[in-house]
N, C-alpha and C. Protein backbone atom coordinates (compact mmCIF):
# COMPACT_ATOMS: atom_id res chain seq x y z
N UNK A 1 14.50 207.59 130.32
CA UNK A 1 13.87 208.47 131.25
C UNK A 1 14.43 208.18 132.64
N UNK A 2 14.61 209.24 133.39
CA UNK A 2 15.20 209.10 134.72
C UNK A 2 14.42 209.93 135.73
N UNK A 3 14.39 209.45 136.94
CA UNK A 3 13.84 210.22 138.06
C UNK A 3 14.96 210.34 139.10
N UNK A 4 15.20 211.55 139.53
CA UNK A 4 16.14 211.80 140.62
C UNK A 4 15.33 212.12 141.86
N UNK A 5 15.54 211.34 142.91
CA UNK A 5 14.87 211.58 144.18
C UNK A 5 15.92 212.17 145.13
N UNK A 6 15.71 213.41 145.50
CA UNK A 6 16.64 214.11 146.38
C UNK A 6 16.17 213.99 147.83
N UNK A 7 17.11 213.75 148.71
CA UNK A 7 16.85 213.72 150.14
C UNK A 7 17.79 214.70 150.80
N UNK A 8 17.22 215.67 151.51
CA UNK A 8 18.05 216.68 152.15
C UNK A 8 18.90 216.08 153.25
N UNK A 9 20.15 216.52 153.29
CA UNK A 9 21.10 216.10 154.32
C UNK A 9 21.31 217.19 155.36
N UNK A 10 20.83 218.36 155.06
CA UNK A 10 21.03 219.53 155.91
C UNK A 10 19.68 220.06 156.38
N UNK A 11 19.67 220.87 157.43
CA UNK A 11 18.42 221.48 157.90
C UNK A 11 17.83 222.40 156.82
N UNK A 12 16.52 222.61 156.89
CA UNK A 12 15.85 223.43 155.88
C UNK A 12 16.41 224.85 155.78
N UNK A 13 16.93 225.37 156.88
CA UNK A 13 17.54 226.71 156.82
C UNK A 13 18.71 226.71 155.84
N UNK A 14 19.49 225.64 155.83
CA UNK A 14 20.63 225.51 154.92
C UNK A 14 20.12 225.26 153.49
N UNK A 15 19.09 224.43 153.36
CA UNK A 15 18.49 224.18 152.04
C UNK A 15 18.03 225.50 151.44
N UNK A 16 17.34 226.30 152.23
CA UNK A 16 16.78 227.56 151.75
C UNK A 16 17.86 228.55 151.30
N UNK A 17 19.03 228.47 151.86
CA UNK A 17 20.14 229.34 151.44
C UNK A 17 20.51 229.11 149.98
N UNK A 18 20.30 227.88 149.48
CA UNK A 18 20.69 227.53 148.12
C UNK A 18 19.48 227.29 147.21
N UNK A 19 18.28 227.57 147.71
CA UNK A 19 17.07 227.27 146.95
C UNK A 19 16.97 228.08 145.65
N UNK A 20 17.27 229.36 145.70
CA UNK A 20 17.18 230.17 144.47
C UNK A 20 18.21 229.71 143.45
N UNK A 21 19.42 229.40 143.88
CA UNK A 21 20.44 228.90 142.96
C UNK A 21 20.00 227.56 142.36
N UNK A 22 19.37 226.71 143.16
CA UNK A 22 18.85 225.44 142.67
C UNK A 22 17.76 225.68 141.63
N UNK A 23 16.87 226.62 141.89
CA UNK A 23 15.80 226.94 140.93
C UNK A 23 16.37 227.51 139.64
N UNK A 24 17.42 228.31 139.76
CA UNK A 24 18.09 228.85 138.56
C UNK A 24 18.69 227.71 137.73
N UNK A 25 19.31 226.74 138.40
CA UNK A 25 19.85 225.54 137.74
C UNK A 25 18.72 224.82 137.00
N UNK A 26 17.57 224.64 137.66
CA UNK A 26 16.44 223.97 137.02
C UNK A 26 15.99 224.73 135.78
N UNK A 27 15.89 226.05 135.87
CA UNK A 27 15.45 226.87 134.75
C UNK A 27 16.35 226.68 133.53
N UNK A 28 17.65 226.65 133.76
CA UNK A 28 18.61 226.44 132.67
C UNK A 28 18.36 225.09 132.00
N UNK A 29 18.12 224.07 132.79
CA UNK A 29 17.96 222.73 132.22
C UNK A 29 16.56 222.47 131.66
N UNK A 30 15.55 223.22 132.14
CA UNK A 30 14.26 223.17 131.45
C UNK A 30 14.41 223.78 130.06
N UNK A 31 15.10 224.91 129.97
CA UNK A 31 15.30 225.57 128.68
C UNK A 31 16.08 224.69 127.70
N UNK A 32 17.00 223.89 128.23
CA UNK A 32 17.80 222.99 127.39
C UNK A 32 17.03 221.72 127.00
N UNK A 33 15.85 221.51 127.59
CA UNK A 33 15.05 220.33 127.29
C UNK A 33 15.45 219.09 128.07
N UNK A 34 16.25 219.28 129.13
CA UNK A 34 16.71 218.14 129.93
C UNK A 34 15.70 217.68 130.97
N UNK A 35 14.83 218.58 131.42
CA UNK A 35 13.92 218.27 132.52
C UNK A 35 12.48 218.25 132.05
N UNK A 36 11.69 217.38 132.68
CA UNK A 36 10.28 217.26 132.36
C UNK A 36 9.41 217.89 133.45
N UNK A 37 9.73 217.58 134.69
CA UNK A 37 9.00 218.14 135.82
C UNK A 37 9.88 218.04 137.07
N UNK A 38 9.55 218.85 138.06
CA UNK A 38 10.30 218.82 139.32
C UNK A 38 9.45 219.45 140.41
N UNK A 39 9.82 219.16 141.64
CA UNK A 39 9.12 219.77 142.76
C UNK A 39 9.54 219.15 144.07
N UNK A 40 9.11 219.79 145.16
CA UNK A 40 9.47 219.29 146.49
C UNK A 40 8.63 218.08 146.86
N UNK A 41 9.20 217.24 147.71
CA UNK A 41 8.43 216.15 148.31
C UNK A 41 7.53 216.73 149.39
N UNK A 42 6.48 215.99 149.71
CA UNK A 42 5.59 216.36 150.81
C UNK A 42 5.55 215.20 151.78
N UNK A 43 6.02 215.39 153.01
CA UNK A 43 6.57 216.61 153.60
C UNK A 43 7.90 216.98 152.96
N UNK A 44 8.36 218.16 153.25
CA UNK A 44 9.54 218.73 152.60
C UNK A 44 10.83 218.12 153.15
N UNK A 45 11.13 216.93 152.67
CA UNK A 45 12.35 216.23 153.08
C UNK A 45 13.33 216.11 151.91
N UNK A 46 12.94 216.66 150.77
CA UNK A 46 13.75 216.57 149.56
C UNK A 46 12.92 216.97 148.37
N UNK A 47 13.31 216.49 147.21
CA UNK A 47 12.59 216.83 145.99
C UNK A 47 12.66 215.70 144.98
N UNK A 48 12.00 215.92 143.85
CA UNK A 48 11.97 214.96 142.76
C UNK A 48 12.18 215.72 141.46
N UNK A 49 13.03 215.17 140.60
CA UNK A 49 13.28 215.74 139.28
C UNK A 49 13.13 214.62 138.26
N UNK A 50 12.30 214.84 137.23
CA UNK A 50 12.20 213.89 136.13
C UNK A 50 13.02 214.44 134.96
N UNK A 51 13.95 213.61 134.49
CA UNK A 51 14.88 214.04 133.45
C UNK A 51 14.70 213.22 132.18
N UNK A 52 14.91 213.87 131.06
CA UNK A 52 14.94 213.20 129.76
C UNK A 52 16.40 213.23 129.31
N UNK A 53 17.05 212.07 129.35
CA UNK A 53 18.47 212.00 129.01
C UNK A 53 18.74 210.66 128.33
N UNK A 54 19.80 210.62 127.56
CA UNK A 54 20.16 209.41 126.82
C UNK A 54 20.91 208.38 127.65
N UNK A 55 21.48 208.82 128.77
CA UNK A 55 22.30 207.88 129.55
C UNK A 55 22.40 208.35 131.00
N UNK A 56 22.80 207.42 131.84
CA UNK A 56 23.03 207.75 133.25
C UNK A 56 24.17 208.75 133.35
N UNK A 57 25.18 208.63 132.49
CA UNK A 57 26.30 209.58 132.51
C UNK A 57 25.81 211.00 132.23
N UNK A 58 24.86 211.14 131.33
CA UNK A 58 24.31 212.46 131.02
C UNK A 58 23.56 213.02 132.23
N UNK A 59 22.80 212.16 132.91
CA UNK A 59 22.09 212.58 134.13
C UNK A 59 23.08 213.02 135.19
N UNK A 60 24.12 212.24 135.39
CA UNK A 60 25.14 212.58 136.39
C UNK A 60 25.79 213.92 136.07
N UNK A 61 26.05 214.18 134.78
CA UNK A 61 26.67 215.44 134.38
C UNK A 61 25.74 216.62 134.65
N UNK A 62 24.45 216.43 134.40
CA UNK A 62 23.48 217.49 134.68
C UNK A 62 23.39 217.76 136.17
N UNK A 63 23.21 216.71 136.95
CA UNK A 63 23.02 216.89 138.40
C UNK A 63 24.29 217.38 139.10
N UNK A 64 25.43 217.15 138.52
CA UNK A 64 26.68 217.66 139.09
C UNK A 64 26.70 219.19 139.12
N UNK A 65 25.86 219.81 138.30
CA UNK A 65 25.79 221.28 138.24
C UNK A 65 24.80 221.87 139.25
N UNK A 66 24.03 221.01 139.89
CA UNK A 66 23.02 221.47 140.85
C UNK A 66 23.69 222.01 142.11
N UNK A 67 23.37 223.24 142.50
CA UNK A 67 23.93 223.78 143.74
C UNK A 67 23.67 222.89 144.96
N UNK A 68 22.57 222.15 144.98
CA UNK A 68 22.34 221.22 146.08
C UNK A 68 23.38 220.11 146.09
N UNK A 69 23.88 219.73 144.94
CA UNK A 69 24.96 218.75 144.86
C UNK A 69 26.29 219.41 145.20
N UNK A 70 26.55 220.54 144.59
CA UNK A 70 27.83 221.24 144.78
C UNK A 70 28.08 221.55 146.25
N UNK A 71 27.03 221.94 146.96
CA UNK A 71 27.17 222.35 148.37
C UNK A 71 26.78 221.23 149.34
N UNK A 72 26.66 220.00 148.83
CA UNK A 72 26.39 218.82 149.65
C UNK A 72 25.12 218.97 150.49
N UNK A 73 24.08 219.51 149.87
CA UNK A 73 22.80 219.74 150.54
C UNK A 73 21.91 218.50 150.50
N UNK A 74 22.04 217.71 149.40
CA UNK A 74 21.13 216.57 149.22
C UNK A 74 21.87 215.35 148.69
N UNK A 75 21.31 214.19 149.02
CA UNK A 75 21.70 212.93 148.38
C UNK A 75 20.75 212.70 147.22
N UNK A 76 21.21 211.99 146.20
CA UNK A 76 20.43 211.74 145.01
C UNK A 76 20.30 210.23 144.78
N UNK A 77 19.07 209.77 144.66
CA UNK A 77 18.81 208.40 144.22
C UNK A 77 18.29 208.51 142.79
N UNK A 78 18.93 207.82 141.86
CA UNK A 78 18.56 207.90 140.45
C UNK A 78 17.86 206.60 140.05
N UNK A 79 16.69 206.76 139.44
CA UNK A 79 15.92 205.62 138.95
C UNK A 79 15.76 205.79 137.45
N UNK A 80 16.20 204.80 136.69
CA UNK A 80 15.97 204.80 135.24
C UNK A 80 14.75 203.94 134.95
N UNK A 81 13.89 204.41 134.04
CA UNK A 81 12.73 203.61 133.67
C UNK A 81 12.35 203.89 132.22
N UNK A 82 11.56 202.99 131.67
CA UNK A 82 11.08 203.13 130.30
C UNK A 82 9.56 203.30 130.35
N UNK A 83 9.06 204.49 130.04
CA UNK A 83 7.61 204.69 130.04
C UNK A 83 6.95 203.83 128.95
N UNK A 84 5.91 203.12 129.32
CA UNK A 84 5.21 202.27 128.35
C UNK A 84 3.72 202.59 128.25
N UNK A 85 3.17 203.27 129.22
CA UNK A 85 1.76 203.67 129.17
C UNK A 85 1.69 205.17 129.46
N UNK A 86 0.71 205.82 128.82
CA UNK A 86 0.60 207.27 128.91
C UNK A 86 -0.87 207.67 129.05
N UNK A 87 -1.12 208.75 129.76
CA UNK A 87 -2.49 209.22 129.91
C UNK A 87 -2.97 209.94 128.65
N UNK A 88 -2.03 210.50 127.88
CA UNK A 88 -2.36 211.22 126.65
C UNK A 88 -1.33 210.88 125.59
N UNK A 89 -1.76 210.70 124.36
CA UNK A 89 -0.84 210.40 123.26
C UNK A 89 0.19 211.51 123.09
N UNK A 90 -0.19 212.76 123.33
CA UNK A 90 0.75 213.87 123.21
C UNK A 90 1.93 213.68 124.15
N UNK A 91 1.69 213.16 125.30
CA UNK A 91 2.76 212.91 126.27
C UNK A 91 3.70 211.84 125.74
N UNK A 92 3.17 210.81 125.13
CA UNK A 92 4.01 209.75 124.57
C UNK A 92 4.98 210.31 123.55
N UNK A 93 4.50 211.11 122.61
CA UNK A 93 5.39 211.66 121.57
C UNK A 93 6.41 212.62 122.17
N UNK A 94 6.02 213.34 123.20
CA UNK A 94 6.95 214.25 123.87
C UNK A 94 8.08 213.51 124.54
N UNK A 95 7.78 212.37 125.17
CA UNK A 95 8.79 211.65 125.94
C UNK A 95 9.69 210.76 125.09
N UNK A 96 9.27 210.45 123.89
CA UNK A 96 10.08 209.56 123.05
C UNK A 96 11.23 210.29 122.40
């Protein structure tokens, strides 16, 4: 399991120019089963994406397709972790 923490490098006006393309990228990867959840940080200084991937290389390949990456809109901090506790058993089976 991976979490990508995005930090915007450009003003929000520039971020907004690529926001729909970024959302389209997310939609494709939700459909492929790569993403679990995503959303903006509060305050809006970046975003967070939780990914289900087998390796860091797979995460890097997915995020390389993000328009925010392609157009140098955001920096990405990647955190790998192993979930060990869950609020619902259904979530555990989904994440494994």
